[in-house]
C-alpha atoms as a PDB file:
ATOM      1  CA  MET A   1     -21.348  69.403 -58.128  1.00  0.00           C
ATOM      2  CA  VAL A   2     -19.337  71.639 -56.100  1.00  0.00           C
ATOM      3  CA  ASN A   3     -20.020  75.352 -55.766  1.00  0.00           C
ATOM      4  CA  GLN A   4     -23.634  75.118 -55.894  1.00  0.00           C
ATOM      5  CA  PRO A   5     -25.304  77.845 -53.783  1.00  0.00           C
ATOM      6  CA  VAL A   6     -28.259  75.712 -51.573  1.00  0.00           C
ATOM      7  CA  ASN A   7     -31.007  77.618 -49.499  1.00  0.00           C
ATOM      8  CA  GLU A   8     -30.431  78.016 -46.018  1.00  0.00           C
ATOM      9  CA  SER A   9     -33.427  75.839 -44.985  1.00  0.00           C
ATOM     10  CA  ALA A  10     -30.751  72.877 -45.377  1.00  0.00           C
ATOM     11  CA  GLY A  11     -29.141  74.240 -41.938  1.00  0.00           C
ATOM     12  CA  GLN A  12     -28.661  77.224 -40.284  1.00  0.00           C
ATOM     13  CA  ALA A  13     -27.099  80.245 -42.089  1.00  0.00           C
ATOM     14  CA  SER A  14     -23.584  79.828 -40.065  1.00  0.00           C
ATOM     15  CA  SER A  15     -23.458  75.900 -39.767  1.00  0.00           C
ATOM     16  CA  LEU A  16     -22.148  73.111 -42.180  1.00  0.00           C
ATOM     17  CA  THR A  17     -24.868  70.813 -42.936  1.00  0.00           C
ATOM     18  CA  VAL A  18     -23.662  67.491 -44.025  1.00  0.00           C
ATOM     19  CA  LEU A  19     -26.142  65.878 -46.321  1.00  0.00           C
ATOM     20  CA  TYR A  20     -25.653  62.250 -46.138  1.00  0.00           C
ATOM     21  CA  ASP A  21     -27.229  58.534 -46.933  1.00  0.00           C
ATOM     22  CA  GLY A  22     -28.882  57.549 -43.635  1.00  0.00           C
ATOM     23  CA  ALA A  23     -29.853  54.235 -45.823  1.00  0.00           C
ATOM     24  CA  CYS A  24     -25.962  53.792 -46.539  1.00  0.00           C
ATOM     25  CA  PRO A  25     -24.469  50.995 -43.130  1.00  0.00           C
ATOM     26  CA  LEU A  26     -21.189  52.680 -44.101  1.00  0.00           C
ATOM     27  CA  CYS A  27     -22.581  56.051 -44.707  1.00  0.00           C
ATOM     28  CA  ARG A  28     -24.235  55.812 -40.726  1.00  0.00           C
ATOM     29  CA  ARG A  29     -21.122  54.752 -39.280  1.00  0.00           C
ATOM     30  CA  GLU A  30     -19.198  57.283 -40.506  1.00  0.00           C
ATOM     31  CA  ILE A  31     -21.237  59.947 -39.809  1.00  0.00           C
ATOM     32  CA  GLY A  32     -21.816  58.455 -36.174  1.00  0.00           C
ATOM     33  CA  ILE A  33     -18.194  58.989 -35.097  1.00  0.00           C
ATOM     34  CA  TYR A  34     -18.433  62.572 -36.835  1.00  0.00           C
ATOM     35  CA  ARG A  35     -21.134  63.372 -34.754  1.00  0.00           C
ATOM     36  CA  GLY A  36     -19.678  62.441 -31.369  1.00  0.00           C
ATOM     37  CA  ILE A  37     -16.923  65.432 -32.176  1.00  0.00           C
ATOM     38  CA  ARG A  38     -17.586  68.605 -30.990  1.00  0.00           C
ATOM     39  CA  PRO A  39     -16.517  71.257 -33.705  1.00  0.00           C
ATOM     40  CA  LEU A  40     -13.154  73.391 -33.037  1.00  0.00           C
ATOM     41  CA  ARG A  41     -15.838  76.591 -33.401  1.00  0.00           C
ATOM     42  CA  PRO A  42     -19.087  76.507 -30.889  1.00  0.00           C
ATOM     43  CA  ASP A  43     -20.424  79.409 -32.600  1.00  0.00           C
ATOM     44  CA  SER A  44     -20.433  77.087 -36.001  1.00  0.00           C
ATOM     45  CA  PRO A  45     -22.418  73.875 -35.473  1.00  0.00           C
ATOM     46  CA  VAL A  46     -22.003  70.824 -37.915  1.00  0.00           C
ATOM     47  CA  CYS A  47     -25.677  70.026 -38.561  1.00  0.00           C
ATOM     48  CA  PHE A  48     -26.605  66.004 -40.820  1.00  0.00           C
ATOM     49  CA  ALA A  49     -29.420  66.185 -42.397  1.00  0.00           C
ATOM     50  CA  ASP A  50     -30.399  62.542 -43.517  1.00  0.00           C
ATOM     51  CA  VAL A  51     -31.147  62.746 -47.770  1.00  0.00           C
ATOM     52  CA  ASN A  52     -33.496  60.105 -47.628  1.00  0.00           C
ATOM     53  CA  ASP A  53     -35.795  62.112 -45.618  1.00  0.00           C
ATOM     54  CA  THR A  54     -38.865  62.958 -47.639  1.00  0.00           C
ATOM     55  CA  GLU A  55     -39.376  66.038 -45.643  1.00  0.00           C
ATOM     56  CA  LEU A  56     -35.806  67.408 -46.362  1.00  0.00           C
ATOM     57  CA  GLN A  57     -36.120  70.619 -48.388  1.00  0.00           C
ATOM     58  CA  LEU A  58     -33.386  69.813 -51.163  1.00  0.00           C
ATOM     59  CA  PRO A  59     -30.843  72.241 -52.317  1.00  0.00           C
ATOM     60  CA  PRO A  60     -32.231  73.921 -55.613  1.00  0.00           C
ATOM     61  CA  GLY A  61     -30.690  72.615 -58.660  1.00  0.00           C
ATOM     62  CA  ILE A  62     -29.756  69.117 -57.603  1.00  0.00           C
ATOM     63  CA  THR A  63     -31.979  65.740 -57.452  1.00  0.00           C
ATOM     64  CA  ARG A  64     -32.206  63.484 -54.198  1.00  0.00           C
ATOM     65  CA  GLU A  65     -30.665  60.979 -56.125  1.00  0.00           C
ATOM     66  CA  GLN A  66     -27.349  62.894 -57.207  1.00  0.00           C
ATOM     67  CA  LEU A  67     -26.908  64.110 -53.236  1.00  0.00           C
ATOM     68  CA  LEU A  68     -27.177  60.289 -52.873  1.00  0.00           C
ATOM     69  CA  ALA A  69     -24.669  59.408 -54.839  1.00  0.00           C
ATOM     70  CA  ARG A  70     -22.219  61.588 -53.494  1.00  0.00           C
ATOM     71  CA  PHE A  71     -21.010  62.890 -49.843  1.00  0.00           C
ATOM     72  CA  HIS A  72     -21.734  66.610 -49.793  1.00  0.00           C
ATOM     73  CA  VAL A  73     -21.722  69.714 -47.552  1.00  0.00           C
ATOM     74  CA  ARG A  74     -23.084  73.015 -47.088  1.00  0.00           C
ATOM     75  CA  SER A  75     -20.453  75.090 -45.996  1.00  0.00           C
ATOM     76  CA  ASN A  76     -21.110  78.196 -43.722  1.00  0.00           C
ATOM     77  CA  ASP A  77     -20.812  80.363 -46.730  1.00  0.00           C
ATOM     78  CA  GLY A  78     -23.923  78.159 -48.699  1.00  0.00           C
ATOM     79  CA  GLN A  79     -21.777  76.480 -51.084  1.00  0.00           C
ATOM     80  CA  LEU A  80     -22.964  73.106 -52.017  1.00  0.00           C
ATOM     81  CA  LEU A  81     -19.561  71.709 -51.952  1.00  0.00           C
ATOM     82  CA  SER A  82     -18.814  67.572 -52.832  1.00  0.00           C
ATOM     83  CA  GLY A  83     -16.766  64.727 -52.937  1.00  0.00           C
ATOM     84  CA  ALA A  84     -12.641  65.528 -51.659  1.00  0.00           C
ATOM     85  CA  GLN A  85     -13.968  69.318 -51.231  1.00  0.00           C
ATOM     86  CA  ALA A  86     -16.958  68.080 -48.947  1.00  0.00           C
ATOM     87  CA  PHE A  87     -14.733  65.855 -46.571  1.00  0.00           C
ATOM     88  CA  LEU A  88     -11.812  68.820 -46.220  1.00  0.00           C
ATOM     89  CA  ALA A  89     -14.708  70.933 -45.101  1.00  0.00           C
ATOM     90  CA  LEU A  90     -16.010  68.492 -42.705  1.00  0.00           C
ATOM     91  CA  TRP A  91     -12.555  67.712 -41.498  1.00  0.00           C
ATOM     92  CA  ALA A  92     -11.842  71.254 -41.239  1.00  0.00           C
ATOM     93  CA  ALA A  93     -14.587  71.879 -38.931  1.00  0.00           C
ATOM     94  CA  LEU A  94     -13.464  68.965 -36.261  1.00  0.00           C
ATOM     95  CA  PRO A  95     -10.690  68.235 -34.240  1.00  0.00           C
ATOM     96  CA  GLY A  96      -9.098  65.401 -34.529  1.00  0.00           C
ATOM     97  CA  TRP A  97      -9.574  65.708 -38.557  1.00  0.00           C
ATOM     98  CA  ARG A  98      -8.358  68.842 -38.745  1.00  0.00           C
ATOM     99  CA  TRP A  99      -5.073  67.489 -39.724  1.00  0.00           C
ATOM    100  CA  LEU A 100      -6.624  66.034 -43.477  1.00  0.00           C
ATOM    101  CA  ALA A 101      -8.070  69.051 -44.129  1.00  0.00           C
ATOM    102  CA  LEU A 102      -4.778  70.632 -43.619  1.00  0.00           C
ATOM    103  CA  ALA A 103      -2.618  67.721 -46.229  1.00  0.00           C
ATOM    104  CA  GLY A 104      -5.851  68.579 -48.504  1.00  0.00           C
ATOM    105  CA  ARG A 105      -3.968  72.074 -48.995  1.00  0.00           C
ATOM    106  CA  LEU A 106      -1.089  70.585 -50.207  1.00  0.00           C
ATOM    107  CA  PRO A 107      -0.458  70.549 -53.909  1.00  0.00           C
ATOM    108  CA  GLY A 108      -2.042  68.060 -55.946  1.00  0.00           C
ATOM    109  CA  ALA A 109      -3.908  66.494 -53.119  1.00  0.00           C
ATOM    110  CA  VAL A 110      -7.420  67.325 -53.570  1.00  0.00           C
ATOM    111  CA  TRP A 111      -7.201  65.808 -57.007  1.00  0.00           C
ATOM    112  CA  VAL A 112      -5.518  62.523 -55.290  1.00  0.00           C
ATOM    113  CA  MET A 113      -8.388  62.727 -52.566  1.00  0.00           C
ATOM    114  CA  GLU A 114     -10.934  63.117 -55.644  1.00  0.00           C
ATOM    115  CA  ARG A 115      -9.484  60.292 -57.587  1.00  0.00           C
ATOM    116  CA  SER A 116      -9.723  57.933 -54.573  1.00  0.00           C
ATOM    117  CA  TYR A 117     -13.429  58.896 -53.789  1.00  0.00           C
ATOM    118  CA  ARG A 118     -14.265  58.113 -57.040  1.00  0.00           C
ATOM    119  CA  LEU A 119     -12.822  55.027 -57.040  1.00  0.00           C
ATOM    120  CA  PHE A 120     -14.078  54.165 -53.714  1.00  0.00           C
ATOM    121  CA  LEU A 121     -17.592  54.913 -55.056  1.00  0.00           C
ATOM    122  CA  ARG A 122     -16.738  52.128 -57.554  1.00  0.00           C
ATOM    123  CA  TRP A 123     -17.047  49.770 -54.582  1.00  0.00           C
ATOM    124  CA  ARG A 124     -19.693  51.200 -52.605  1.00  0.00           C
ATOM    125  CA  PRO A 125     -22.495  48.845 -53.563  1.00  0.00           C
ATOM    126  CA  ALA A 126     -20.278  45.686 -52.494  1.00  0.00           C
ATOM    127  CA  LEU A 127     -18.969  47.395 -49.633  1.00  0.00           C
ATOM    128  CA  GLN A 128     -22.687  48.421 -48.405  1.00  0.00           C
ATOM    129  CA  ARG A 129     -23.750  44.242 -49.505  1.00  0.00           C
ATOM    130  CA  TRP A 130     -21.015  43.439 -46.950  1.00  0.00           C
ATOM    131  CA  ALA A 131     -21.705  46.080 -44.042  1.00  0.00           C
ATOM    132  CA  TYR A 132     -25.620  45.236 -44.450  1.00  0.00           C
ATOM    133  CA  ARG A 133     -24.867  42.128 -42.943  1.00  0.00           C
ATOM    134  CA  PHE A 134     -23.419  43.687 -39.642  1.00  0.00           C
ATOM    135  CA  ASP A 135     -26.588  45.981 -39.426  1.00  0.00           C
ATOM    136  CA  LYS A 136     -29.279  42.836 -39.457  1.00  0.00           C
ATOM    137  CA  PRO A 137     -29.701  40.872 -36.438  1.00  0.00           C
ATOM    138  CA  VAL A 138     -29.272  37.259 -36.458  1.00  0.00           C
ATOM    139  CA  ASN A 139     -32.457  35.085 -34.441  1.00  0.00           C
ATOM    140  CA  LYS A 140     -30.275  32.031 -33.579  1.00  0.00           C
ATOM    141  CA  PRO A 141     -30.301  31.971 -29.816  1.00  0.00           C
ATOM    142  CA  SER A 142     -26.614  31.781 -27.942  1.00  0.00           C
ATOM    143  CA  LYS A 143     -25.871  28.665 -26.461  1.00  0.00           C
ATOM    144  CA  SER A 144     -25.371  30.902 -22.826  1.00  0.00           C
ATOM    145  CA  HIS A 145     -29.395  31.452 -23.440  1.00  0.00           C
ATOM    146  CA  ASN A 146     -29.918  27.421 -24.721  1.00  0.00           C
ATOM    147  CA  ASN A 147     -28.021  26.626 -21.357  1.00  0.00           C
ATOM    148  CA  ALA A 148     -29.951  29.099 -19.039  1.00  0.00           C
ATOM    149  CA  ARG A 149     -33.655  26.924 -20.339  1.00  0.00           C
ATOM    150  CA  ARG A 150     -32.388  23.587 -19.006  1.00  0.00           C
END
């Protein structure tokens, strides 16, 4: 799933487009961090597209399920990157994260990062269930709220 051309509808031609799982609480938290950062190059914005949005036109040759299974970005040159390569492309565009992209240039680093990401993917369902607990509101009134009624 690396280096597949993506159509221009997924984002602007000169932008990096992050294709993420908006239903995943882990993904939403991480994307929230990235969204709050201005890209290093103002002429090359970072766009974010929730793959769960049924109105989103998907890149050719890949299914929604495949996009939801791994992290993907469409690079500035139109290539679809996934896993470690996708993270490196995103980190290279963001101040404060660029050092990770530079570390990814070291011999063997991409291999280690990809293997680590694949290991994370095995644990992702359990981590998602854990993270969902923090997303759901608790309907128990607080003690201070009960005291205010008395």
